[in-house]
Amino acid sequence: MENRLTKFVLDFSGRLALPIASYAGLEITGESVEDLFSIPGSQFKSVMALADRYRMPVLVTAIDPTAEAEAYGCEIVFADREAPRIVGRLVTGAAEAAGLPDPVPGDARTRVPIETAWRLTAEVGESVPVLGTMMGPFALAARLYGVEEALAAAAGAVGEPETVETLLDNVTGFLCRYALEFRETGAWGVLVAEDIAGRLTPDGLGRFSSPFIKRIVKAVETADFAVVVQDGRAANAHLDALLGCGAGAYWLGPGVDMGAALGRVEPDTVLAGNLDPVAVFQKGTAQAVGEATRVLLEATRGARSIIVSSGGDIPPGAPLANLNAFYRAVAEFNK
């Protein structure tokens, strides 16, 4: 489906650049990771600091890997310059999966990105795209069940795959309601972060991820509101299952050949990626970032449906000099 987000990308003058950089704004504001994910005002300041520095054409709320799990009852730990993490497992078997609570969007820290989206849309108006962010179905289910345990159960090695499917059915209903809350803010879409599903086999992704994302797409996507599926761990072998979600946009990681992906989608389907967020942006030099960006731009020259970006969220502490190099390379390409 063509929507106003995909039309914005296709009509953009030059190549649109949009790295996923939830933490980078903290290098400007000086606030903590806990502030970013706990205080809407802090997240708003961080997003706007990046937007002002790099004249970003699209604004994205920070990707919190734990907010939805906390709303279900998981214990969360914050540390300096690290992503928040979950302690232990909330669900260990079928009975617990069937008896999960039914959280409401806005419970616990899920209110933070919603309120941030409200503030961003009020700040920039209707002409600037704002995207909300949330976990994908398998990503959330795996955090409740334990990531390694969920992957093993999905593979049929340990545990019961049916328990994972029970979890997926539960969390997908919540995520549909959560995405609708973002739609109410006036946001142009929601980015669904489903990285963990890229660790499944292609058949596993087709069973435990894509059908549930498709439910979200059918429930919330309109001509004015896009679902953007982000799976930075997917490989070329996952593309058929991943693209079966039916979303209007996909954010891909370094394991995917962007040229191959282009050949598998409709001309109005947007693809974003796929520079490695760790090897390139966090651990690379500014020179290496610039060179990797130029290579990606040249490899996809003429493809207006591609957003040049990181394949996933750039980790905390990545130097701003590397983002500077990324944007310089894009600016030179767009001359």
Protein backbone atom coordinates (compact mmCIF):
# COMPACT_ATOMS: atom_id res chain seq x y z
CA MET A 1 0.00 0.00 0.00
CA GLU A 2 1.29 3.44 -0.91
CA ASN A 3 0.86 5.82 2.01
CA ARG A 4 2.03 9.31 2.86
CA LEU A 5 5.31 8.01 4.34
CA THR A 6 6.29 6.02 1.25
CA LYS A 7 5.23 8.94 -0.96
CA PHE A 8 7.39 11.30 1.13
CA VAL A 9 10.42 9.04 0.61
CA LEU A 10 9.82 8.58 -3.12
CA ASP A 11 9.32 12.33 -3.65
CA PHE A 12 12.27 13.39 -1.47
CA SER A 13 14.86 15.53 -3.22
CA GLY A 14 18.07 13.49 -3.14
CA ARG A 15 18.74 10.40 -1.07
CA LEU A 16 17.00 10.44 2.29
CA ALA A 17 19.32 9.64 5.21
CA LEU A 18 17.95 8.42 8.53
CA PRO A 19 20.15 6.35 10.85
CA ILE A 20 18.42 4.73 13.82
CA ALA A 21 20.19 6.59 16.61
CA SER A 22 18.10 6.43 19.78
CA TYR A 23 21.09 7.07 22.04
CA ALA A 24 23.06 9.59 19.99
CA GLY A 25 21.04 12.56 21.20
CA LEU A 26 22.29 11.86 24.73
CA GLU A 27 25.79 12.80 23.55
CA ILE A 28 24.33 16.28 22.97
CA THR A 29 21.90 16.64 25.89
CA GLY A 30 24.13 14.94 28.48
CA GLU A 31 21.22 13.03 30.00
CA SER A 32 21.23 9.35 30.93
CA VAL A 33 19.86 6.26 29.21
CA GLU A 34 17.41 5.87 32.09
CA ASP A 35 16.22 9.45 31.54
CA LEU A 36 15.76 8.75 27.82
CA PHE A 37 13.43 5.83 28.44
CA SER A 38 11.70 7.08 31.60
CA ILE A 39 11.02 10.80 31.03
CA PRO A 40 9.10 11.96 27.95
CA GLY A 41 10.70 15.40 28.14
CA SER A 42 14.17 13.85 28.06
CA GLN A 43 13.34 11.69 25.05
CA PHE A 44 11.80 14.68 23.26
CA LYS A 45 14.92 16.78 23.90
CA SER A 46 17.18 13.98 22.66
CA VAL A 47 15.23 13.47 19.42
CA MET A 48 15.04 17.21 18.75
CA ALA A 49 18.75 17.71 19.53
CA LEU A 50 19.64 15.22 16.79
CA ALA A 51 17.05 16.66 14.43
CA ASP A 52 18.43 20.17 14.86
CA ARG A 53 22.06 19.09 14.51
CA TYR A 54 21.56 17.05 11.33
CA ARG A 55 18.41 18.66 9.90
CA MET A 56 16.73 15.28 9.97
CA PRO A 57 13.72 15.07 7.63
CA VAL A 58 12.01 12.35 9.70
CA LEU A 59 11.81 12.13 13.50
CA VAL A 60 11.74 8.78 15.31
CA THR A 61 11.00 8.12 18.97
CA ALA A 62 13.69 6.15 20.82
CA ILE A 63 13.53 2.36 20.54
CA ASP A 64 13.09 1.01 24.08
CA PRO A 65 13.78 -2.76 24.10
CA THR A 66 12.11 -3.23 27.49
CA ALA A 67 9.09 -0.91 27.89
CA GLU A 68 6.45 -3.36 26.68
CA ALA A 69 7.95 -6.22 28.70
CA GLU A 70 7.88 -4.02 31.82
CA ALA A 71 4.18 -3.34 31.19
CA TYR A 72 3.66 -7.12 31.41
CA GLY A 73 5.55 -7.28 34.71
CA CYS A 74 9.21 -7.92 33.82
CA GLU A 75 11.94 -6.47 36.04
CA ILE A 76 14.17 -3.97 34.22
CA VAL A 77 17.72 -2.85 35.00
CA PHE A 78 19.36 0.34 33.73
CA ALA A 79 23.10 0.95 33.49
CA ASP A 80 25.15 3.89 32.26
CA ARG A 81 25.83 3.87 28.51
CA GLU A 82 24.07 0.54 27.97
CA ALA A 83 20.66 -0.42 26.67
CA PRO A 84 18.23 -1.39 29.45
CA ARG A 85 17.86 -5.12 30.02
CA ILE A 86 15.38 -7.58 31.48
CA VAL A 87 16.19 -9.63 34.58
CA GLY A 88 15.03 -13.24 34.53
CA ARG A 89 11.99 -14.73 32.80
CA LEU A 90 8.36 -13.78 33.33
CA VAL A 91 7.03 -16.88 31.55
CA THR A 92 8.50 -20.38 31.85
CA GLY A 93 5.62 -22.56 30.67
CA ALA A 94 2.19 -22.88 29.10
CA ALA A 95 0.21 -22.02 32.25
CA GLU A 96 2.04 -18.73 32.73
CA ALA A 97 1.70 -17.92 29.04
CA ALA A 98 -2.06 -18.45 29.22
CA GLY A 99 -2.37 -16.40 32.41
CA LEU A 100 -0.51 -13.28 31.36
CA PRO A 101 -1.92 -9.91 32.41
CA ASP A 102 -3.58 -7.71 29.80
CA PRO A 103 -1.69 -4.41 29.88
CA VAL A 104 -3.05 -1.18 28.44
CA PRO A 105 -0.93 1.02 26.15
CA GLY A 106 0.43 3.73 28.40
CA ASP A 107 1.05 1.37 31.33
CA ALA A 108 4.50 1.63 32.94
CA ARG A 109 7.03 3.19 30.56
CA THR A 110 4.99 2.56 27.40
CA ARG A 111 3.60 6.04 28.07
CA VAL A 112 7.02 7.58 27.32
CA PRO A 113 7.22 7.04 23.53
CA ILE A 114 3.50 7.81 23.17
CA GLU A 115 3.86 11.13 24.98
CA THR A 116 7.09 11.83 23.07
CA ALA A 117 5.25 11.28 19.78
CA TRP A 118 2.53 13.71 20.89
CA ARG A 119 5.18 16.33 21.70
CA LEU A 120 7.04 15.79 18.44
CA THR A 121 3.94 16.09 16.26
CA ALA A 122 2.93 19.25 18.13
CA GLU A 123 6.43 20.69 17.66
CA VAL A 124 6.97 20.01 13.96
CA GLY A 125 3.43 19.98 12.58
CA GLU A 126 1.80 17.77 9.99
CA SER A 127 4.38 18.26 7.23
CA VAL A 128 7.27 16.49 9.02
CA PRO A 129 7.03 12.70 9.39
CA VAL A 130 7.16 11.37 12.95
CA LEU A 131 7.47 7.64 13.62
CA GLY A 132 6.65 5.91 16.87
CA THR A 133 8.58 2.79 17.85
CA MET A 134 7.68 -0.48 19.56
CA MET A 135 8.86 -4.06 19.84
CA GLY A 136 7.66 -6.62 17.34
CA PRO A 137 5.62 -9.68 18.36
CA PHE A 138 8.43 -12.23 18.49
CA ALA A 139 10.82 -9.69 20.03
CA LEU A 140 8.37 -9.06 22.87
CA ALA A 141 7.36 -12.70 23.34
CA ALA A 142 11.03 -13.70 23.49
CA ARG A 143 11.72 -11.11 26.17
CA LEU A 144 8.89 -12.50 28.30
CA TYR A 145 9.92 -16.14 27.79
CA GLY A 146 13.69 -15.62 27.64
CA VAL A 147 15.36 -14.96 24.32
CA GLU A 148 17.42 -18.13 24.10
CA GLU A 149 14.55 -20.23 25.46
CA ALA A 150 12.12 -18.77 22.90
CA LEU A 151 14.53 -19.44 20.04
CA ALA A 152 15.06 -23.02 21.24
CA ALA A 153 11.32 -23.63 21.63
CA ALA A 154 10.63 -22.20 18.17
CA ALA A 155 13.25 -24.55 16.76
CA GLY A 156 11.65 -27.50 18.56
CA ALA A 157 14.84 -28.17 20.49
CA VAL A 158 13.67 -27.40 24.04
CA GLY A 159 10.23 -26.48 25.33
CA GLU A 160 6.99 -26.26 23.40
CA PRO A 161 6.59 -24.10 20.29
CA GLU A 162 2.87 -23.90 21.07
CA THR A 163 3.71 -21.95 24.24
CA VAL A 164 5.53 -19.38 22.15
CA GLU A 165 2.51 -19.15 19.83
CA THR A 166 0.24 -18.57 22.84
CA LEU A 167 2.51 -15.74 23.90
CA LEU A 168 2.56 -14.32 20.39
CA ASP A 169 -1.22 -14.31 20.19
CA ASN A 170 -1.42 -12.41 23.49
CA VAL A 171 1.24 -9.80 22.79
CA THR A 172 0.08 -9.15 19.23
CA GLY A 173 -3.28 -7.95 20.50
CA PHE A 174 -1.52 -5.56 22.86
CA LEU A 175 0.82 -4.34 20.12
CA CYS A 176 -2.10 -3.63 17.78
CA ARG A 177 -3.63 -1.41 20.47
CA TYR A 178 -0.25 0.19 21.16
CA ALA A 179 0.26 1.02 17.47
CA LEU A 180 -3.20 2.59 17.36
CA GLU A 181 -2.14 4.89 20.21
CA PHE A 182 0.74 6.12 18.05
CA ARG A 183 -1.68 6.65 15.18
CA GLU A 184 -3.79 8.87 17.45
CA THR A 185 -0.80 11.18 18.03
CA GLY A 186 -0.72 12.18 14.36
CA ALA A 187 2.45 10.18 13.72
CA TRP A 188 3.00 9.01 10.16
CA GLY A 189 3.72 5.45 11.22
CA VAL A 190 5.25 3.06 13.71
CA LEU A 191 8.57 1.23 13.46
CA VAL A 192 8.16 -2.37 14.65
CA ALA A 193 11.52 -3.59 15.97
CA GLU A 194 11.69 -7.35 15.33
CA ASP A 195 15.46 -7.99 15.34
CA ILE A 196 15.32 -11.19 17.36
CA ALA A 197 13.18 -12.86 14.68
CA GLY A 198 16.19 -12.65 12.37
CA ARG A 199 17.79 -15.37 14.50
CA LEU A 200 15.03 -17.80 13.55
CA THR A 201 15.28 -19.99 10.48
CA PRO A 202 13.41 -18.65 7.44
CA ASP A 203 10.62 -21.16 8.13
CA GLY A 204 10.65 -20.14 11.79
CA LEU A 205 10.31 -16.49 10.87
CA GLY A 206 7.44 -17.42 8.60
CA ARG A 207 5.67 -19.17 11.49
CA PHE A 208 6.57 -17.14 14.57
CA SER A 209 6.94 -13.59 13.30
CA SER A 210 5.50 -12.66 9.90
CA PRO A 211 1.88 -13.78 10.48
CA PHE A 212 1.71 -11.78 13.70
CA ILE A 213 3.22 -8.66 12.15
CA LYS A 214 0.70 -9.06 9.35
CA ARG A 215 -2.05 -8.83 11.98
CA ILE A 216 -0.62 -5.49 13.10
CA VAL A 217 -0.39 -4.24 9.52
CA LYS A 218 -4.02 -5.16 8.85
CA ALA A 219 -5.18 -3.59 12.10
CA VAL A 220 -3.45 -0.22 11.87
CA GLU A 221 -1.97 0.61 8.45
CA THR A 222 -3.85 3.25 6.43
CA ALA A 223 -3.05 5.73 3.69
CA ASP A 224 -1.83 8.09 6.43
CA PHE A 225 -0.17 5.61 8.80
CA ALA A 226 2.58 3.15 7.84
CA VAL A 227 3.94 0.07 9.55
CA VAL A 228 7.73 -0.13 9.17
CA VAL A 229 9.15 -3.58 9.94
CA GLN A 230 12.72 -3.49 11.25
CA ASP A 231 14.74 -6.73 11.35
CA GLY A 232 18.44 -6.00 11.41
CA ARG A 233 19.41 -9.67 11.78
CA ALA A 234 17.54 -11.01 8.78
CA ALA A 235 19.52 -12.47 5.88
CA ASN A 236 18.69 -12.90 2.20
CA ALA A 237 17.17 -16.29 2.99
CA HIS A 238 14.60 -14.60 5.27
CA LEU A 239 13.34 -12.14 2.65
CA ASP A 240 10.39 -14.14 1.33
CA ALA A 241 9.00 -14.71 4.83
CA LEU A 242 9.77 -11.19 5.99
CA LEU A 243 8.21 -9.48 2.98
CA GLY A 244 5.13 -11.62 3.46
CA CYS A 245 4.15 -9.26 6.30
CA GLY A 246 2.63 -6.98 3.70
CA ALA A 247 4.04 -3.79 5.23
CA GLY A 248 4.79 -0.67 3.21
CA ALA A 249 8.37 -0.34 4.47
CA TYR A 250 11.18 -2.58 5.78
CA TRP A 251 14.35 -1.70 7.69
CA LEU A 252 17.06 -4.24 6.91
CA GLY A 253 20.45 -5.06 8.39
CA PRO A 254 23.87 -5.84 6.93
CA GLY A 255 23.01 -9.49 6.31
CA VAL A 256 20.72 -8.52 3.42
CA ASP A 257 21.82 -7.57 -0.08
CA MET A 258 19.86 -4.37 -0.71
CA GLY A 259 19.97 -4.90 -4.46
CA ALA A 260 18.46 -8.36 -4.05
CA ALA A 261 15.80 -6.97 -1.73
CA LEU A 262 14.92 -4.25 -4.25
CA GLY A 263 14.21 -6.91 -6.82
CA ARG A 264 11.71 -8.62 -4.51
CA VAL A 265 9.43 -5.68 -3.68
CA GLU A 266 7.00 -3.39 -5.46
CA PRO A 267 8.43 -0.05 -6.66
CA ASP A 268 6.52 1.88 -3.98
CA THR A 269 7.76 -0.30 -1.09
CA VAL A 270 10.38 1.54 0.94
CA LEU A 271 13.56 -0.21 2.08
CA ALA A 272 15.93 1.25 4.67
CA GLY A 273 19.38 0.18 5.81
CA ASN A 274 21.76 -1.38 5.93
CA LEU A 275 25.05 -0.21 7.49
CA ASP A 276 26.16 -2.26 10.49
CA PRO A 277 25.27 -0.27 13.64
CA VAL A 278 28.08 -1.84 15.68
CA ALA A 279 30.94 -2.56 13.26
CA VAL A 280 30.46 0.66 11.28
CA PHE A 281 28.92 3.28 13.57
CA GLN A 282 30.08 2.22 17.04
CA LYS A 283 33.48 0.65 16.40
CA GLY A 284 34.46 2.11 13.02
CA THR A 285 36.47 5.25 12.37
CA ALA A 286 34.90 8.34 10.82
CA GLN A 287 36.81 7.59 7.62
CA ALA A 288 35.47 4.03 7.54
CA VAL A 289 31.91 5.26 8.13
CA GLY A 290 32.20 7.70 5.25
CA GLU A 291 33.55 5.04 2.92
CA ALA A 292 30.89 2.46 3.88
CA THR A 293 28.19 5.07 3.33
CA ARG A 294 29.53 5.97 -0.11
CA VAL A 295 29.68 2.30 -1.12
CA LEU A 296 26.04 1.79 -0.09
CA LEU A 297 24.92 4.93 -1.90
CA GLU A 298 26.66 3.90 -5.11
CA ALA A 299 25.35 0.34 -4.91
CA THR A 300 21.79 1.64 -4.72
CA ARG A 301 22.16 4.66 -7.02
CA GLY A 302 18.91 5.42 -8.78
CA ALA A 303 16.78 3.58 -6.19
CA ARG A 304 14.68 6.37 -4.73
CA SER A 305 12.79 3.93 -2.52
CA ILE A 306 15.86 3.27 -0.35
CA ILE A 307 16.58 5.22 2.83
CA VAL A 308 20.29 5.06 3.63
CA SER A 309 20.60 4.17 7.29
CA SER A 310 21.99 1.91 9.95
CA GLY A 311 20.53 -1.58 9.91
CA GLY A 312 19.51 -1.26 13.56
CA ASP A 313 19.79 0.99 16.58
CA ILE A 314 23.28 2.45 16.98
CA PRO A 315 24.49 1.46 20.48
CA PRO A 316 25.12 3.94 23.29
CA GLY A 317 28.48 5.68 23.20
CA ALA A 318 28.97 5.66 19.43
CA PRO A 319 30.96 8.82 18.58
CA LEU A 320 29.09 11.71 17.00
CA ALA A 321 32.07 12.07 14.66
CA ASN A 322 30.85 8.92 12.94
CA LEU A 323 27.37 10.34 12.43
CA ASN A 324 28.99 13.51 11.12
CA ALA A 325 30.91 11.42 8.56
CA PHE A 326 27.75 9.58 7.55
CA TYR A 327 25.84 12.79 6.89
CA ARG A 328 28.78 14.37 5.05
CA ALA A 329 28.93 11.41 2.68
CA VAL A 330 25.20 11.65 1.97
CA ALA A 331 25.40 15.42 1.44
CA GLU A 332 28.25 14.98 -1.05
CA PHE A 333 26.28 12.29 -2.91
CA ASN A 334 23.21 14.55 -3.09
CA LYS A 335 25.07 17.53 -4.63
